[in-house]
Amino acid sequence: QIMKMIPHRYPLLLIDRLMDIVPN
């Protein structure tokens, strides 16, 4: 899902997961 949200790819994609989300 992160790869659908931001354009970064290996070797520069530096987050594996997003959690504890409070939108905005």
mmCIF file of all heavy atoms, coordinates in Angstrom:
data_MODEL
# 
_entry.id   MODEL 
# 
loop_
_atom_site.group_PDB 
_atom_site.id 
_atom_site.type_symbol 
_atom_site.label_atom_id 
_atom_site.label_alt_id 
_atom_site.label_comp_id 
_atom_site.label_asym_id 
_atom_site.label_entity_id 
_atom_site.label_seq_id 
_atom_site.pdbx_PDB_ins_code 
_atom_site.Cartn_x 
_atom_site.Cartn_y 
_atom_site.Cartn_z 
_atom_site.occupancy 
_atom_site.B_iso_or_equiv 
_atom_site.pdbx_formal_charge 
_atom_site.auth_seq_id 
_atom_site.auth_comp_id 
_atom_site.auth_asym_id 
_atom_site.auth_atom_id 
_atom_site.pdbx_PDB_model_num 
ATOM 1   N N   . GLN A 1 1  ? 0.832  -1.206 0.000  1.00 0.00 ? 1  GLN A N   1 
ATOM 2   C CA  . GLN A 1 1  ? 0.000  0.000  0.000  1.00 0.00 ? 1  GLN A CA  1 
ATOM 3   C C   . GLN A 1 1  ? 0.866  1.254  0.000  1.00 0.00 ? 1  GLN A C   1 
ATOM 4   O O   . GLN A 1 1  ? 0.538  2.236  -0.662 1.00 0.00 ? 1  GLN A O   1 
ATOM 5   C CB  . GLN A 1 1  ? -0.936 -0.015 1.206  1.00 0.00 ? 1  GLN A CB  1 
ATOM 6   C CG  . GLN A 1 1  ? -1.988 -1.104 1.137  1.00 0.00 ? 1  GLN A CG  1 
ATOM 7   C CD  . GLN A 1 1  ? -2.724 -1.241 2.455  1.00 0.00 ? 1  GLN A CD  1 
ATOM 8   O OE1 . GLN A 1 1  ? -2.148 -1.653 3.473  1.00 0.00 ? 1  GLN A OE1 1 
ATOM 9   N NE2 . GLN A 1 1  ? -3.990 -0.879 2.457  1.00 0.00 ? 1  GLN A NE2 1 
ATOM 10  N N   . ILE A 1 2  ? 1.972  1.230  0.741  1.00 0.00 ? 2  ILE A N   1 
ATOM 11  C CA  . ILE A 1 2  ? 2.889  2.377  0.760  1.00 0.00 ? 2  ILE A CA  1 
ATOM 12  C C   . ILE A 1 2  ? 3.400  2.647  -0.649 1.00 0.00 ? 2  ILE A C   1 
ATOM 13  O O   . ILE A 1 2  ? 3.467  3.797  -1.086 1.00 0.00 ? 2  ILE A O   1 
ATOM 14  C CB  . ILE A 1 2  ? 4.052  2.136  1.750  1.00 0.00 ? 2  ILE A CB  1 
ATOM 15  C CG1 . ILE A 1 2  ? 3.538  2.191  3.190  1.00 0.00 ? 2  ILE A CG1 1 
ATOM 16  C CG2 . ILE A 1 2  ? 5.168  3.162  1.534  1.00 0.00 ? 2  ILE A CG2 1 
ATOM 17  C CD1 . ILE A 1 2  ? 4.531  1.707  4.229  1.00 0.00 ? 2  ILE A CD1 1 
ATOM 18  N N   . MET A 1 3  ? 3.720  1.589  -1.392 1.00 0.00 ? 3  MET A N   1 
ATOM 19  C CA  . MET A 1 3  ? 4.247  1.773  -2.753 1.00 0.00 ? 3  MET A CA  1 
ATOM 20  C C   . MET A 1 3  ? 3.188  2.321  -3.706 1.00 0.00 ? 3  MET A C   1 
ATOM 21  O O   . MET A 1 3  ? 3.524  2.886  -4.739 1.00 0.00 ? 3  MET A O   1 
ATOM 22  C CB  . MET A 1 3  ? 4.849  0.471  -3.277 1.00 0.00 ? 3  MET A CB  1 
ATOM 23  C CG  . MET A 1 3  ? 6.123  0.123  -2.526 1.00 0.00 ? 3  MET A CG  1 
ATOM 24  S SD  . MET A 1 3  ? 7.153  -1.232 -3.169 1.00 0.00 ? 3  MET A SD  1 
ATOM 25  C CE  . MET A 1 3  ? 6.038  -2.367 -3.875 1.00 0.00 ? 3  MET A CE  1 
ATOM 26  N N   . LYS A 1 4  ? 1.918  2.196  -3.371 1.00 0.00 ? 4  LYS A N   1 
ATOM 27  C CA  . LYS A 1 4  ? 0.857  2.834  -4.149 1.00 0.00 ? 4  LYS A CA  1 
ATOM 28  C C   . LYS A 1 4  ? 0.722  4.313  -3.775 1.00 0.00 ? 4  LYS A C   1 
ATOM 29  O O   . LYS A 1 4  ? 0.213  5.101  -4.554 1.00 0.00 ? 4  LYS A O   1 
ATOM 30  C CB  . LYS A 1 4  ? -0.475 2.124  -3.920 1.00 0.00 ? 4  LYS A CB  1 
ATOM 31  C CG  . LYS A 1 4  ? -0.525 0.726  -4.516 1.00 0.00 ? 4  LYS A CG  1 
ATOM 32  C CD  . LYS A 1 4  ? -1.837 0.053  -4.207 1.00 0.00 ? 4  LYS A CD  1 
ATOM 33  C CE  . LYS A 1 4  ? -1.846 -1.380 -4.733 1.00 0.00 ? 4  LYS A CE  1 
ATOM 34  N NZ  . LYS A 1 4  ? -3.058 -2.096 -4.344 1.00 0.00 ? 4  LYS A NZ  1 
ATOM 35  N N   . MET A 1 5  ? 1.168  4.665  -2.572 1.00 0.00 ? 5  MET A N   1 
ATOM 36  C CA  . MET A 1 5  ? 0.989  6.023  -2.052 1.00 0.00 ? 5  MET A CA  1 
ATOM 37  C C   . MET A 1 5  ? 2.140  6.962  -2.411 1.00 0.00 ? 5  MET A C   1 
ATOM 38  O O   . MET A 1 5  ? 1.911  8.144  -2.677 1.00 0.00 ? 5  MET A O   1 
ATOM 39  C CB  . MET A 1 5  ? 0.830  5.962  -0.524 1.00 0.00 ? 5  MET A CB  1 
ATOM 40  C CG  . MET A 1 5  ? -0.363 5.158  -0.069 1.00 0.00 ? 5  MET A CG  1 
ATOM 41  S SD  . MET A 1 5  ? -0.303 4.810  1.699  1.00 0.00 ? 5  MET A SD  1 
ATOM 42  C CE  . MET A 1 5  ? -0.932 6.328  2.347  1.00 0.00 ? 5  MET A CE  1 
ATOM 43  N N   . ILE A 1 6  ? 3.367  6.439  -2.358 1.00 0.00 ? 6  ILE A N   1 
ATOM 44  C CA  . ILE A 1 6  ? 4.533  7.272  -2.648 1.00 0.00 ? 6  ILE A CA  1 
ATOM 45  C C   . ILE A 1 6  ? 5.363  6.593  -3.734 1.00 0.00 ? 6  ILE A C   1 
ATOM 46  O O   . ILE A 1 6  ? 5.321  5.370  -3.867 1.00 0.00 ? 6  ILE A O   1 
ATOM 47  C CB  . ILE A 1 6  ? 5.381  7.568  -1.376 1.00 0.00 ? 6  ILE A CB  1 
ATOM 48  C CG1 . ILE A 1 6  ? 5.927  6.306  -0.734 1.00 0.00 ? 6  ILE A CG1 1 
ATOM 49  C CG2 . ILE A 1 6  ? 4.558  8.384  -0.362 1.00 0.00 ? 6  ILE A CG2 1 
ATOM 50  C CD1 . ILE A 1 6  ? 6.837  6.554  0.474  1.00 0.00 ? 6  ILE A CD1 1 
ATOM 51  N N   . PRO A 1 7  ? 6.106  7.367  -4.527 1.00 0.00 ? 7  PRO A N   1 
ATOM 52  C CA  . PRO A 1 7  ? 6.796  6.798  -5.689 1.00 0.00 ? 7  PRO A CA  1 
ATOM 53  C C   . PRO A 1 7  ? 8.118  6.099  -5.391 1.00 0.00 ? 7  PRO A C   1 
ATOM 54  O O   . PRO A 1 7  ? 8.704  5.503  -6.285 1.00 0.00 ? 7  PRO A O   1 
ATOM 55  C CB  . PRO A 1 7  ? 7.039  8.030  -6.569 1.00 0.00 ? 7  PRO A CB  1 
ATOM 56  C CG  . PRO A 1 7  ? 7.194  9.149  -5.591 1.00 0.00 ? 7  PRO A CG  1 
ATOM 57  C CD  . PRO A 1 7  ? 6.221  8.825  -4.485 1.00 0.00 ? 7  PRO A CD  1 
ATOM 58  N N   . HIS A 1 8  ? 8.609  6.142  -4.183 1.00 0.00 ? 8  HIS A N   1 
ATOM 59  C CA  . HIS A 1 8  ? 9.919  5.585  -3.844 1.00 0.00 ? 8  HIS A CA  1 
ATOM 60  C C   . HIS A 1 8  ? 9.955  4.070  -4.030 1.00 0.00 ? 8  HIS A C   1 
ATOM 61  O O   . HIS A 1 8  ? 8.993  3.378  -3.750 1.00 0.00 ? 8  HIS A O   1 
ATOM 62  C CB  . HIS A 1 8  ? 10.271 5.932  -2.399 1.00 0.00 ? 8  HIS A CB  1 
ATOM 63  C CG  . HIS A 1 8  ? 10.219 7.391  -2.121 1.00 0.00 ? 8  HIS A CG  1 
ATOM 64  N ND1 . HIS A 1 8  ? 9.023  8.057  -1.916 1.00 0.00 ? 8  HIS A ND1 1 
ATOM 65  C CD2 . HIS A 1 8  ? 11.191 8.313  -2.040 1.00 0.00 ? 8  HIS A CD2 1 
ATOM 66  C CE1 . HIS A 1 8  ? 9.272  9.338  -1.714 1.00 0.00 ? 8  HIS A CE1 1 
ATOM 67  N NE2 . HIS A 1 8  ? 10.583 9.519  -1.777 1.00 0.00 ? 8  HIS A NE2 1 
ATOM 68  N N   . ARG A 1 9  ? 11.107 3.586  -4.481 1.00 0.00 ? 9  ARG A N   1 
ATOM 69  C CA  . ARG A 1 9  ? 11.337 2.161  -4.681 1.00 0.00 ? 9  ARG A CA  1 
ATOM 70  C C   . ARG A 1 9  ? 12.749 1.834  -4.204 1.00 0.00 ? 9  ARG A C   1 
ATOM 71  O O   . ARG A 1 9  ? 13.556 2.727  -3.966 1.00 0.00 ? 9  ARG A O   1 
ATOM 72  C CB  . ARG A 1 9  ? 11.189 1.766  -6.162 1.00 0.00 ? 9  ARG A CB  1 
ATOM 73  C CG  . ARG A 1 9  ? 9.786  1.958  -6.733 1.00 0.00 ? 9  ARG A CG  1 
ATOM 74  C CD  . ARG A 1 9  ? 8.775  1.035  -6.037 1.00 0.00 ? 9  ARG A CD  1 
ATOM 75  N NE  . ARG A 1 9  ? 7.426  1.211  -6.555 1.00 0.00 ? 9  ARG A NE  1 
ATOM 76  C CZ  . ARG A 1 9  ? 6.519  2.024  -6.025 1.00 0.00 ? 9  ARG A CZ  1 
ATOM 77  N NH1 . ARG A 1 9  ? 6.798  2.779  -4.992 1.00 0.00 ? 9  ARG A NH1 1 
ATOM 78  N NH2 . ARG A 1 9  ? 5.295  2.073  -6.533 1.00 0.00 ? 9  ARG A NH2 1 
ATOM 79  N N   . TYR A 1 10 ? 13.053 0.541  -4.099 1.00 0.00 ? 10 TYR A N   1 
ATOM 80  C CA  . TYR A 1 10 ? 14.383 0.102  -3.715 1.00 0.00 ? 10 TYR A CA  1 
ATOM 81  C C   . TYR A 1 10 ? 15.410 0.764  -4.641 1.00 0.00 ? 10 TYR A C   1 
ATOM 82  O O   . TYR A 1 10 ? 15.173 0.849  -5.842 1.00 0.00 ? 10 TYR A O   1 
ATOM 83  C CB  . TYR A 1 10 ? 14.498 -1.435 -3.824 1.00 0.00 ? 10 TYR A CB  1 
ATOM 84  C CG  . TYR A 1 10 ? 15.886 -1.924 -3.507 1.00 0.00 ? 10 TYR A CG  1 
ATOM 85  C CD1 . TYR A 1 10 ? 16.264 -2.144 -2.189 1.00 0.00 ? 10 TYR A CD1 1 
ATOM 86  C CD2 . TYR A 1 10 ? 16.822 -2.116 -4.508 1.00 0.00 ? 10 TYR A CD2 1 
ATOM 87  C CE1 . TYR A 1 10 ? 17.550 -2.558 -1.888 1.00 0.00 ? 10 TYR A CE1 1 
ATOM 88  C CE2 . TYR A 1 10 ? 18.113 -2.522 -4.209 1.00 0.00 ? 10 TYR A CE2 1 
ATOM 89  C CZ  . TYR A 1 10 ? 18.469 -2.740 -2.896 1.00 0.00 ? 10 TYR A CZ  1 
ATOM 90  O OH  . TYR A 1 10 ? 19.739 -3.132 -2.603 1.00 0.00 ? 10 TYR A OH  1 
ATOM 91  N N   . PRO A 1 11 ? 16.483 1.255  -4.108 1.00 0.00 ? 11 PRO A N   1 
ATOM 92  C CA  . PRO A 1 11 ? 16.957 1.149  -2.734 1.00 0.00 ? 11 PRO A CA  1 
ATOM 93  C C   . PRO A 1 11 ? 16.584 2.349  -1.855 1.00 0.00 ? 11 PRO A C   1 
ATOM 94  O O   . PRO A 1 11 ? 17.109 2.491  -0.766 1.00 0.00 ? 11 PRO A O   1 
ATOM 95  C CB  . PRO A 1 11 ? 18.479 1.088  -2.910 1.00 0.00 ? 11 PRO A CB  1 
ATOM 96  C CG  . PRO A 1 11 ? 18.743 1.976  -4.093 1.00 0.00 ? 11 PRO A CG  1 
ATOM 97  C CD  . PRO A 1 11 ? 17.554 1.781  -5.000 1.00 0.00 ? 11 PRO A CD  1 
ATOM 98  N N   . LEU A 1 12 ? 15.669 3.200  -2.316 1.00 0.00 ? 12 LEU A N   1 
ATOM 99  C CA  . LEU A 1 12 ? 15.372 4.411  -1.555 1.00 0.00 ? 12 LEU A CA  1 
ATOM 100 C C   . LEU A 1 12 ? 14.027 4.387  -0.831 1.00 0.00 ? 12 LEU A C   1 
ATOM 101 O O   . LEU A 1 12 ? 13.669 5.375  -0.215 1.00 0.00 ? 12 LEU A O   1 
ATOM 102 C CB  . LEU A 1 12 ? 15.475 5.642  -2.457 1.00 0.00 ? 12 LEU A CB  1 
ATOM 103 C CG  . LEU A 1 12 ? 16.065 6.849  -1.755 1.00 0.00 ? 12 LEU A CG  1 
ATOM 104 C CD1 . LEU A 1 12 ? 17.442 6.586  -1.169 1.00 0.00 ? 12 LEU A CD1 1 
ATOM 105 C CD2 . LEU A 1 12 ? 16.104 8.041  -2.659 1.00 0.00 ? 12 LEU A CD2 1 
ATOM 106 N N   . LEU A 1 13 ? 13.301 3.297  -0.872 1.00 0.00 ? 13 LEU A N   1 
ATOM 107 C CA  . LEU A 1 13 ? 12.080 3.191  -0.082 1.00 0.00 ? 13 LEU A CA  1 
ATOM 108 C C   . LEU A 1 13 ? 12.500 2.814  1.334  1.00 0.00 ? 13 LEU A C   1 
ATOM 109 O O   . LEU A 1 13 ? 13.050 1.737  1.554  1.00 0.00 ? 13 LEU A O   1 
ATOM 110 C CB  . LEU A 1 13 ? 11.134 2.144  -0.678 1.00 0.00 ? 13 LEU A CB  1 
ATOM 111 C CG  . LEU A 1 13 ? 9.812  1.943  0.060  1.00 0.00 ? 13 LEU A CG  1 
ATOM 112 C CD1 . LEU A 1 13 ? 9.028  3.252  0.190  1.00 0.00 ? 13 LEU A CD1 1 
ATOM 113 C CD2 . LEU A 1 13 ? 8.974  0.895  -0.640 1.00 0.00 ? 13 LEU A CD2 1 
ATOM 114 N N   . LEU A 1 14 ? 12.273 3.709  2.279  1.00 0.00 ? 14 LEU A N   1 
ATOM 115 C CA  . LEU A 1 14 ? 12.865 3.552  3.615  1.00 0.00 ? 14 LEU A CA  1 
ATOM 116 C C   . LEU A 1 14 ? 11.850 3.357  4.736  1.00 0.00 ? 14 LEU A C   1 
ATOM 117 O O   . LEU A 1 14 ? 12.201 3.491  5.915  1.00 0.00 ? 14 LEU A O   1 
ATOM 118 C CB  . LEU A 1 14 ? 13.759 4.760  3.918  1.00 0.00 ? 14 LEU A CB  1 
ATOM 119 C CG  . LEU A 1 14 ? 14.962 4.881  2.984  1.00 0.00 ? 14 LEU A CG  1 
ATOM 120 C CD1 . LEU A 1 14 ? 15.695 6.191  3.230  1.00 0.00 ? 14 LEU A CD1 1 
ATOM 121 C CD2 . LEU A 1 14 ? 15.904 3.703  3.174  1.00 0.00 ? 14 LEU A CD2 1 
ATOM 122 N N   . ILE A 1 15 ? 10.600 3.043  4.390  1.00 0.00 ? 15 ILE A N   1 
ATOM 123 C CA  . ILE A 1 15 ? 9.636  2.653  5.418  1.00 0.00 ? 15 ILE A CA  1 
ATOM 124 C C   . ILE A 1 15 ? 8.973  1.353  4.973  1.00 0.00 ? 15 ILE A C   1 
ATOM 125 O O   . ILE A 1 15 ? 8.713  1.145  3.795  1.00 0.00 ? 15 ILE A O   1 
ATOM 126 C CB  . ILE A 1 15 ? 8.587  3.752  5.730  1.00 0.00 ? 15 ILE A CB  1 
ATOM 127 C CG1 . ILE A 1 15 ? 7.845  4.220  4.483  1.00 0.00 ? 15 ILE A CG1 1 
ATOM 128 C CG2 . ILE A 1 15 ? 9.247  4.914  6.462  1.00 0.00 ? 15 ILE A CG2 1 
ATOM 129 C CD1 . ILE A 1 15 ? 6.709  5.186  4.764  1.00 0.00 ? 15 ILE A CD1 1 
ATOM 130 N N   . ASP A 1 16 ? 8.751  0.472  5.932  1.00 0.00 ? 16 ASP A N   1 
ATOM 131 C CA  . ASP A 1 16 ? 8.166  -0.836 5.661  1.00 0.00 ? 16 ASP A CA  1 
ATOM 132 C C   . ASP A 1 16 ? 6.687  -0.896 6.019  1.00 0.00 ? 16 ASP A C   1 
ATOM 133 O O   . ASP A 1 16 ? 5.959  -1.736 5.514  1.00 0.00 ? 16 ASP A O   1 
ATOM 134 C CB  . ASP A 1 16 ? 8.884  -1.923 6.471  1.00 0.00 ? 16 ASP A CB  1 
ATOM 135 C CG  . ASP A 1 16 ? 10.352 -2.030 6.123  1.00 0.00 ? 16 ASP A CG  1 
ATOM 136 O OD1 . ASP A 1 16 ? 10.685 -1.918 4.930  1.00 0.00 ? 16 ASP A OD1 1 
ATOM 137 O OD2 . ASP A 1 16 ? 11.169 -2.227 7.049  1.00 0.00 ? 16 ASP A OD2 1 
ATOM 138 N N   . ARG A 1 17 ? 6.254  -0.011 6.903  1.00 0.00 ? 17 ARG A N   1 
ATOM 139 C CA  . ARG A 1 17 ? 4.885  -0.067 7.402  1.00 0.00 ? 17 ARG A CA  1 
ATOM 140 C C   . ARG A 1 17 ? 4.511  1.300  7.957  1.00 0.00 ? 17 ARG A C   1 
ATOM 141 O O   . ARG A 1 17 ? 5.375  2.038  8.441  1.00 0.00 ? 17 ARG A O   1 
ATOM 142 C CB  . ARG A 1 17 ? 4.818  -1.117 8.512  1.00 0.00 ? 17 ARG A CB  1 
ATOM 143 C CG  . ARG A 1 17 ? 3.445  -1.387 9.045  1.00 0.00 ? 17 ARG A CG  1 
ATOM 144 C CD  . ARG A 1 17 ? 3.427  -2.511 10.075 1.00 0.00 ? 17 ARG A CD  1 
ATOM 145 N NE  . ARG A 1 17 ? 4.017  -3.712 9.486  1.00 0.00 ? 17 ARG A NE  1 
ATOM 146 C CZ  . ARG A 1 17 ? 4.813  -4.549 10.147 1.00 0.00 ? 17 ARG A CZ  1 
ATOM 147 N NH1 . ARG A 1 17 ? 5.139  -4.321 11.393 1.00 0.00 ? 17 ARG A NH1 1 
ATOM 148 N NH2 . ARG A 1 17 ? 5.299  -5.609 9.542  1.00 0.00 ? 17 ARG A NH2 1 
ATOM 149 N N   . LEU A 1 18 ? 3.215  1.620  7.906  1.00 0.00 ? 18 LEU A N   1 
ATOM 150 C CA  . LEU A 1 18 ? 2.675  2.835  8.522  1.00 0.00 ? 18 LEU A CA  1 
ATOM 151 C C   . LEU A 1 18 ? 1.603  2.393  9.501  1.00 0.00 ? 18 LEU A C   1 
ATOM 152 O O   . LEU A 1 18 ? 0.731  1.584  9.150  1.00 0.00 ? 18 LEU A O   1 
ATOM 153 C CB  . LEU A 1 18 ? 2.086  3.754  7.446  1.00 0.00 ? 18 LEU A CB  1 
ATOM 154 C CG  . LEU A 1 18 ? 1.788  5.195  7.842  1.00 0.00 ? 18 LEU A CG  1 
ATOM 155 C CD1 . LEU A 1 18 ? 3.079  5.948  8.146  1.00 0.00 ? 18 LEU A CD1 1 
ATOM 156 C CD2 . LEU A 1 18 ? 1.014  5.910  6.743  1.00 0.00 ? 18 LEU A CD2 1 
ATOM 157 N N   . MET A 1 19 ? 1.674  2.896  10.731 1.00 0.00 ? 19 MET A N   1 
ATOM 158 C CA  . MET A 1 19 ? 0.723  2.471  11.762 1.00 0.00 ? 19 MET A CA  1 
ATOM 159 C C   . MET A 1 19 ? 0.445  3.625  12.714 1.00 0.00 ? 19 MET A C   1 
ATOM 160 O O   . MET A 1 19 ? 0.962  4.727  12.528 1.00 0.00 ? 19 MET A O   1 
ATOM 161 C CB  . MET A 1 19 ? 1.277  1.254  12.502 1.00 0.00 ? 19 MET A CB  1 
ATOM 162 C CG  . MET A 1 19 ? 2.628  1.462  13.087 1.00 0.00 ? 19 MET A CG  1 
ATOM 163 S SD  . MET A 1 19 ? 3.406  -0.118 13.430 1.00 0.00 ? 19 MET A SD  1 
ATOM 164 C CE  . MET A 1 19 ? 4.904  0.471  14.156 1.00 0.00 ? 19 MET A CE  1 
ATOM 165 N N   . ASP A 1 20 ? -0.383 3.369  13.736 1.00 0.00 ? 20 ASP A N   1 
ATOM 166 C CA  . ASP A 1 20 ? -0.763 4.394  14.718 1.00 0.00 ? 20 ASP A CA  1 
ATOM 167 C C   . ASP A 1 20 ? -1.242 5.664  14.007 1.00 0.00 ? 20 ASP A C   1 
ATOM 168 O O   . ASP A 1 20 ? -0.897 6.777  14.385 1.00 0.00 ? 20 ASP A O   1 
ATOM 169 C CB  . ASP A 1 20 ? 0.402  4.735  15.662 1.00 0.00 ? 20 ASP A CB  1 
ATOM 170 C CG  . ASP A 1 20 ? 0.949  3.533  16.398 1.00 0.00 ? 20 ASP A CG  1 
ATOM 171 O OD1 . ASP A 1 20 ? 0.177  2.582  16.634 1.00 0.00 ? 20 ASP A OD1 1 
ATOM 172 O OD2 . ASP A 1 20 ? 2.147  3.532  16.733 1.00 0.00 ? 20 ASP A OD2 1 
ATOM 173 N N   . ILE A 1 21 ? -2.064 5.476  12.986 1.00 0.00 ? 21 ILE A N   1 
ATOM 174 C CA  . ILE A 1 21 ? -2.458 6.578  12.105 1.00 0.00 ? 21 ILE A CA  1 
ATOM 175 C C   . ILE A 1 21 ? -3.640 7.353  12.691 1.00 0.00 ? 21 ILE A C   1 
ATOM 176 O O   . ILE A 1 21 ? -4.660 6.770  13.049 1.00 0.00 ? 21 ILE A O   1 
ATOM 177 C CB  . ILE A 1 21 ? -2.840 6.039  10.712 1.00 0.00 ? 21 ILE A CB  1 
ATOM 178 C CG1 . ILE A 1 21 ? -1.683 5.233  10.123 1.00 0.00 ? 21 ILE A CG1 1 
ATOM 179 C CG2 . ILE A 1 21 ? -3.278 7.170  9.789  1.00 0.00 ? 21 ILE A CG2 1 
ATOM 180 C CD1 . ILE A 1 21 ? -2.074 4.339  8.967  1.00 0.00 ? 21 ILE A CD1 1 
ATOM 181 N N   . VAL A 1 22 ? -3.469 8.658  12.756 1.00 0.00 ? 22 VAL A N   1 
ATOM 182 C CA  . VAL A 1 22 ? -4.562 9.581  13.047 1.00 0.00 ? 22 VAL A CA  1 
ATOM 183 C C   . VAL A 1 22 ? -4.602 10.515 11.841 1.00 0.00 ? 22 VAL A C   1 
ATOM 184 O O   . VAL A 1 22 ? -3.744 11.393 11.711 1.00 0.00 ? 22 VAL A O   1 
ATOM 185 C CB  . VAL A 1 22 ? -4.335 10.380 14.355 1.00 0.00 ? 22 VAL A CB  1 
ATOM 186 C CG1 . VAL A 1 22 ? -5.496 11.339 14.590 1.00 0.00 ? 22 VAL A CG1 1 
ATOM 187 C CG2 . VAL A 1 22 ? -4.136 9.447  15.540 1.00 0.00 ? 22 VAL A CG2 1 
ATOM 188 N N   . PRO A 1 23 ? -5.542 10.283 10.904 1.00 0.00 ? 23 PRO A N   1 
ATOM 189 C CA  . PRO A 1 23 ? -5.561 11.085 9.673  1.00 0.00 ? 23 PRO A CA  1 
ATOM 190 C C   . PRO A 1 23 ? -5.492 12.589 9.968  1.00 0.00 ? 23 PRO A C   1 
ATOM 191 O O   . PRO A 1 23 ? -6.107 13.080 10.915 1.00 0.00 ? 23 PRO A O   1 
ATOM 192 C CB  . PRO A 1 23 ? -6.899 10.699 9.024  1.00 0.00 ? 23 PRO A CB  1 
ATOM 193 C CG  . PRO A 1 23 ? -7.146 9.298  9.520  1.00 0.00 ? 23 PRO A CG  1 
ATOM 194 C CD  . PRO A 1 23 ? -6.636 9.313  10.943 1.00 0.00 ? 23 PRO A CD  1 
ATOM 195 N N   . ASN A 1 24 ? -4.700 13.275 9.147  1.00 0.00 ? 24 ASN A N   1 
ATOM 196 C CA  . ASN A 1 24 ? -4.481 14.724 9.259  1.00 0.00 ? 24 ASN A CA  1 
ATOM 197 C C   . ASN A 1 24 ? -3.741 15.136 10.526 1.00 0.00 ? 24 ASN A C   1 
ATOM 198 O O   . ASN A 1 24 ? -3.622 16.322 10.797 1.00 0.00 ? 24 ASN A O   1 
ATOM 199 C CB  . ASN A 1 24 ? -5.795 15.506 9.164  1.00 0.00 ? 24 ASN A CB  1 
ATOM 200 C CG  . ASN A 1 24 ? -6.409 15.391 7.810  1.00 0.00 ? 24 ASN A CG  1 
ATOM 201 O OD1 . ASN A 1 24 ? -5.790 15.739 6.809  1.00 0.00 ? 24 ASN A OD1 1 
ATOM 202 N ND2 . ASN A 1 24 ? -7.626 14.866 7.754  1.00 0.00 ? 24 ASN A ND2 1 
# 
